[in-house]
Each structure stands twice: as C-alpha cells, then as structure tokens.
Amino acid sequence: MRLEDGGFDIVVANILYDPLLALTDTLGRALVPGGKLCLTGLRSEQIPAIQSAYWEHFQNFQSRQLSGGWCLITAIQKRTKSSIAEKRF
C-alpha cells in the first residue's frame, strides 16, 4: 500500500517543523476518513502554523506539551469517502 492510498487508521510523524509542512498533502491523503494524525517534533510556537497548514485535511486539533519543550498535535481526518474517490480519478 502506498502512503497516498488513504488506507491508514493512524499516522505518527516524529519529525521537525519544515518536513511536516512539506508533508501536509501527503499525510492528508494517507488516512482513512476519521483516521488520527499524531505530529511531534514541534515547539509550542510552531503549533498555530502547523494547524493552519493541515486545516484543509484535518479537524479537532489538540495539542499537548511534552518534556524538553516539545509538543504533540493530534487531529482527525475530515475527508469523506466520496472525496477520496474523486481524487483518485
């Protein structure tokens, strides 16, 4: 299965800010509708920009402070099954 096939229930990405911004569309297509995204490798001041970048694909953003000044963001895929089919054809 390719990452872009939209078949994953959960995706966890523990990488830094710039790569997470570059992967916005790829991670947005990787999850099934209602799938959960977990992003780490971020600082608290980067959270608003990440949420803004991922807003097209995700909803219900939550953030949490972790040790060492790092943060975790979680969100739920908001795409419907019909929009997945439209993108494939």
N, C-alpha and C. Protein backbone atom coordinates (compact mmCIF):
# COMPACT_ATOMS: atom_id res chain seq x y z
N MET A 1 0.85 -1.18 0.00
CA MET A 1 0.00 0.00 0.00
C MET A 1 0.90 1.24 0.00
N ARG A 2 0.56 2.18 -0.82
CA ARG A 2 1.28 3.45 -0.85
C ARG A 2 0.70 4.38 0.19
N LEU A 3 1.52 5.28 0.71
CA LEU A 3 1.07 6.23 1.73
C LEU A 3 -0.11 7.04 1.23
N GLU A 4 -0.13 7.39 -0.04
CA GLU A 4 -1.19 8.23 -0.59
C GLU A 4 -2.51 7.50 -0.84
N ASP A 5 -2.57 6.20 -0.59
CA ASP A 5 -3.78 5.43 -0.88
C ASP A 5 -4.90 5.64 0.13
N GLY A 6 -4.65 6.33 1.22
CA GLY A 6 -5.69 6.61 2.19
C GLY A 6 -6.18 5.39 2.93
N GLY A 7 -5.30 4.49 3.31
CA GLY A 7 -5.73 3.28 3.96
C GLY A 7 -5.30 3.12 5.40
N PHE A 8 -4.72 4.14 6.00
CA PHE A 8 -4.21 4.03 7.35
C PHE A 8 -5.19 4.62 8.37
N ASP A 9 -5.33 3.93 9.50
CA ASP A 9 -6.18 4.43 10.58
C ASP A 9 -5.47 5.46 11.44
N ILE A 10 -4.15 5.37 11.52
CA ILE A 10 -3.35 6.30 12.31
C ILE A 10 -2.01 6.52 11.62
N VAL A 11 -1.55 7.75 11.66
CA VAL A 11 -0.22 8.10 11.16
C VAL A 11 0.48 8.90 12.25
N VAL A 12 1.70 8.48 12.59
CA VAL A 12 2.52 9.18 13.58
C VAL A 12 3.76 9.69 12.86
N ALA A 13 4.03 10.98 12.99
CA ALA A 13 5.22 11.58 12.38
C ALA A 13 5.99 12.34 13.45
N ASN A 14 7.16 11.85 13.78
CA ASN A 14 8.02 12.47 14.77
C ASN A 14 9.21 13.08 14.03
N ILE A 15 8.95 14.16 13.32
CA ILE A 15 9.98 14.86 12.57
C ILE A 15 9.82 16.35 12.81
N LEU A 16 10.72 17.15 12.30
CA LEU A 16 10.74 18.57 12.59
C LEU A 16 9.75 19.36 11.74
N TYR A 17 9.61 20.62 12.08
CA TYR A 17 8.64 21.55 11.52
C TYR A 17 8.66 21.61 9.98
N ASP A 18 9.82 21.90 9.39
CA ASP A 18 9.87 22.06 7.92
C ASP A 18 9.44 20.80 7.17
N PRO A 19 9.93 19.61 7.54
CA PRO A 19 9.43 18.41 6.85
C PRO A 19 7.93 18.19 7.06
N LEU A 20 7.42 18.52 8.24
CA LEU A 20 5.97 18.37 8.47
C LEU A 20 5.17 19.29 7.56
N LEU A 21 5.66 20.51 7.35
CA LEU A 21 4.98 21.41 6.41
C LEU A 21 5.01 20.85 5.00
N ALA A 22 6.13 20.28 4.60
CA ALA A 22 6.26 19.73 3.25
C ALA A 22 5.36 18.50 3.03
N LEU A 23 5.02 17.80 4.10
CA LEU A 23 4.22 16.57 4.01
C LEU A 23 2.72 16.78 4.21
N THR A 24 2.28 18.00 4.25
CA THR A 24 0.86 18.30 4.54
C THR A 24 -0.08 17.50 3.65
N ASP A 25 0.05 17.60 2.34
CA ASP A 25 -0.87 16.90 1.44
C ASP A 25 -0.68 15.39 1.48
N THR A 26 0.55 14.94 1.58
CA THR A 26 0.82 13.50 1.62
C THR A 26 0.17 12.87 2.85
N LEU A 27 0.37 13.47 4.01
CA LEU A 27 -0.24 12.93 5.22
C LEU A 27 -1.76 13.10 5.20
N GLY A 28 -2.24 14.15 4.55
CA GLY A 28 -3.67 14.35 4.42
C GLY A 28 -4.35 13.27 3.60
N ARG A 29 -3.64 12.71 2.63
CA ARG A 29 -4.19 11.64 1.80
C ARG A 29 -3.95 10.24 2.37
N ALA A 30 -3.10 10.13 3.36
CA ALA A 30 -2.69 8.82 3.87
C ALA A 30 -3.73 8.15 4.76
N LEU A 31 -4.60 8.92 5.37
CA LEU A 31 -5.53 8.38 6.36
C LEU A 31 -6.91 8.10 5.80
N VAL A 32 -7.56 7.12 6.39
CA VAL A 32 -8.97 6.88 6.09
C VAL A 32 -9.79 8.00 6.72
N PRO A 33 -11.00 8.25 6.24
CA PRO A 33 -11.85 9.24 6.91
C PRO A 33 -12.00 8.89 8.39
N GLY A 34 -11.79 9.89 9.22
CA GLY A 34 -11.87 9.67 10.67
C GLY A 34 -10.57 9.15 11.27
N GLY A 35 -9.53 8.93 10.43
CA GLY A 35 -8.24 8.47 10.92
C GLY A 35 -7.55 9.53 11.77
N LYS A 36 -6.63 9.11 12.60
CA LYS A 36 -5.97 10.01 13.54
C LYS A 36 -4.54 10.31 13.12
N LEU A 37 -4.20 11.59 13.17
CA LEU A 37 -2.85 12.07 12.87
C LEU A 37 -2.20 12.50 14.17
N CYS A 38 -0.95 12.09 14.39
CA CYS A 38 -0.18 12.49 15.57
C CYS A 38 1.14 13.06 15.08
N LEU A 39 1.39 14.33 15.38
CA LEU A 39 2.61 15.00 14.95
C LEU A 39 3.43 15.41 16.16
N THR A 40 4.71 15.07 16.17
CA THR A 40 5.62 15.52 17.21
C THR A 40 6.88 16.06 16.54
N GLY A 41 7.79 16.58 17.34
CA GLY A 41 8.98 17.22 16.80
C GLY A 41 8.77 18.70 16.61
N LEU A 42 7.81 19.23 17.35
CA LEU A 42 7.42 20.63 17.23
C LEU A 42 7.60 21.38 18.54
N ARG A 43 7.79 22.69 18.44
CA ARG A 43 7.82 23.58 19.58
C ARG A 43 6.47 24.30 19.65
N SER A 44 6.12 24.78 20.82
CA SER A 44 4.79 25.38 21.02
C SER A 44 4.53 26.55 20.07
N GLU A 45 5.54 27.35 19.75
CA GLU A 45 5.33 28.49 18.86
C GLU A 45 5.06 28.07 17.42
N GLN A 46 5.30 26.81 17.08
CA GLN A 46 5.07 26.30 15.73
C GLN A 46 3.67 25.71 15.55
N ILE A 47 2.96 25.50 16.64
CA ILE A 47 1.65 24.85 16.58
C ILE A 47 0.65 25.61 15.70
N PRO A 48 0.47 26.93 15.86
CA PRO A 48 -0.52 27.62 15.01
C PRO A 48 -0.25 27.45 13.51
N ALA A 49 1.00 27.52 13.08
CA ALA A 49 1.30 27.38 11.66
C ALA A 49 1.04 25.96 11.17
N ILE A 50 1.34 24.96 11.96
CA ILE A 50 1.07 23.57 11.57
C ILE A 50 -0.43 23.34 11.47
N GLN A 51 -1.19 23.83 12.45
CA GLN A 51 -2.64 23.67 12.40
C GLN A 51 -3.22 24.35 11.17
N SER A 52 -2.73 25.52 10.85
CA SER A 52 -3.20 26.23 9.66
C SER A 52 -2.88 25.46 8.39
N ALA A 53 -1.69 24.90 8.31
CA ALA A 53 -1.28 24.15 7.12
C ALA A 53 -2.08 22.86 6.95
N TYR A 54 -2.45 22.23 8.05
CA TYR A 54 -3.15 20.94 7.99
C TYR A 54 -4.68 21.08 8.04
N TRP A 55 -5.18 22.29 8.14
CA TRP A 55 -6.62 22.51 8.31
C TRP A 55 -7.45 21.98 7.15
N GLU A 56 -6.94 21.99 5.95
CA GLU A 56 -7.70 21.52 4.78
C GLU A 56 -8.10 20.04 4.94
N HIS A 57 -7.25 19.25 5.56
CA HIS A 57 -7.47 17.81 5.66
C HIS A 57 -7.95 17.34 7.04
N PHE A 58 -7.74 18.17 8.07
CA PHE A 58 -7.94 17.68 9.44
C PHE A 58 -8.80 18.62 10.27
N GLN A 59 -9.36 18.07 11.34
CA GLN A 59 -10.19 18.83 12.29
C GLN A 59 -9.92 18.33 13.71
N ASN A 60 -10.54 18.97 14.68
CA ASN A 60 -10.42 18.57 16.09
C ASN A 60 -8.96 18.53 16.55
N PHE A 61 -8.23 19.58 16.25
CA PHE A 61 -6.83 19.66 16.67
C PHE A 61 -6.73 19.76 18.18
N GLN A 62 -5.79 19.03 18.73
CA GLN A 62 -5.46 19.13 20.14
C GLN A 62 -3.95 19.14 20.27
N SER A 63 -3.44 19.92 21.21
CA SER A 63 -2.00 19.95 21.41
C SER A 63 -1.69 19.71 22.88
N ARG A 64 -0.49 19.20 23.09
CA ARG A 64 -0.07 18.86 24.44
C ARG A 64 1.43 19.10 24.57
N GLN A 65 1.81 19.72 25.67
CA GLN A 65 3.23 19.93 25.97
C GLN A 65 3.85 18.62 26.42
N LEU A 66 5.04 18.32 25.88
CA LEU A 66 5.81 17.15 26.27
C LEU A 66 7.08 17.61 26.97
N SER A 67 7.88 16.70 27.41
CA SER A 67 9.11 17.07 28.10
C SER A 67 10.11 17.72 27.15
N GLY A 68 10.98 18.52 27.71
CA GLY A 68 12.03 19.15 26.91
C GLY A 68 11.55 20.26 26.01
N GLY A 69 10.33 20.76 26.20
CA GLY A 69 9.80 21.84 25.38
C GLY A 69 9.17 21.40 24.07
N TRP A 70 9.07 20.11 23.84
CA TRP A 70 8.45 19.58 22.63
C TRP A 70 6.94 19.49 22.80
N CYS A 71 6.23 19.43 21.68
CA CYS A 71 4.76 19.36 21.70
C CYS A 71 4.27 18.21 20.83
N LEU A 72 3.07 17.79 21.13
CA LEU A 72 2.34 16.78 20.35
C LEU A 72 1.06 17.43 19.84
N ILE A 73 0.77 17.26 18.57
CA ILE A 73 -0.50 17.69 17.99
C ILE A 73 -1.22 16.45 17.49
N THR A 74 -2.49 16.34 17.81
CA THR A 74 -3.31 15.28 17.24
C THR A 74 -4.47 15.93 16.49
N ALA A 75 -4.96 15.24 15.47
CA ALA A 75 -6.09 15.72 14.69
C ALA A 75 -6.76 14.52 14.02
N ILE A 76 -7.99 14.75 13.57
CA ILE A 76 -8.79 13.71 12.92
C ILE A 76 -9.00 14.08 11.45
N GLN A 77 -8.84 13.09 10.58
CA GLN A 77 -9.06 13.27 9.14
C GLN A 77 -10.52 13.65 8.91
N LYS A 78 -10.77 14.73 8.18
CA LYS A 78 -12.15 15.16 7.97
C LYS A 78 -12.69 14.85 6.58
N ARG A 79 -11.90 14.25 5.76
CA ARG A 79 -12.30 13.92 4.39
C ARG A 79 -13.34 12.80 4.39
N THR A 80 -14.26 12.86 3.45
CA THR A 80 -15.26 11.81 3.31
C THR A 80 -14.80 10.79 2.29
N LYS A 81 -15.43 9.63 2.28
CA LYS A 81 -15.07 8.59 1.32
C LYS A 81 -15.29 9.05 -0.12
N SER A 82 -16.31 9.86 -0.36
CA SER A 82 -16.56 10.31 -1.73
C SER A 82 -15.45 11.22 -2.22
N SER A 83 -14.86 12.04 -1.34
CA SER A 83 -13.77 12.90 -1.79
C SER A 83 -12.50 12.10 -2.07
N ILE A 84 -12.32 10.97 -1.42
CA ILE A 84 -11.19 10.09 -1.73
C ILE A 84 -11.34 9.56 -3.15
N ALA A 85 -12.52 9.08 -3.49
CA ALA A 85 -12.76 8.53 -4.82
C ALA A 85 -12.56 9.61 -5.90
N GLU A 86 -13.01 10.84 -5.63
CA GLU A 86 -12.86 11.91 -6.60
C GLU A 86 -11.39 12.20 -6.87
N LYS A 87 -10.53 12.17 -5.87
CA LYS A 87 -9.12 12.46 -6.06
C LYS A 87 -8.39 11.36 -6.82
N ARG A 88 -8.88 10.15 -6.76
CA ARG A 88 -8.22 9.04 -7.43
C ARG A 88 -8.52 9.01 -8.93
N PHE A 89 -9.60 9.62 -9.36
CA PHE A 89 -10.00 9.54 -10.77
C PHE A 89 -9.88 10.86 -11.47
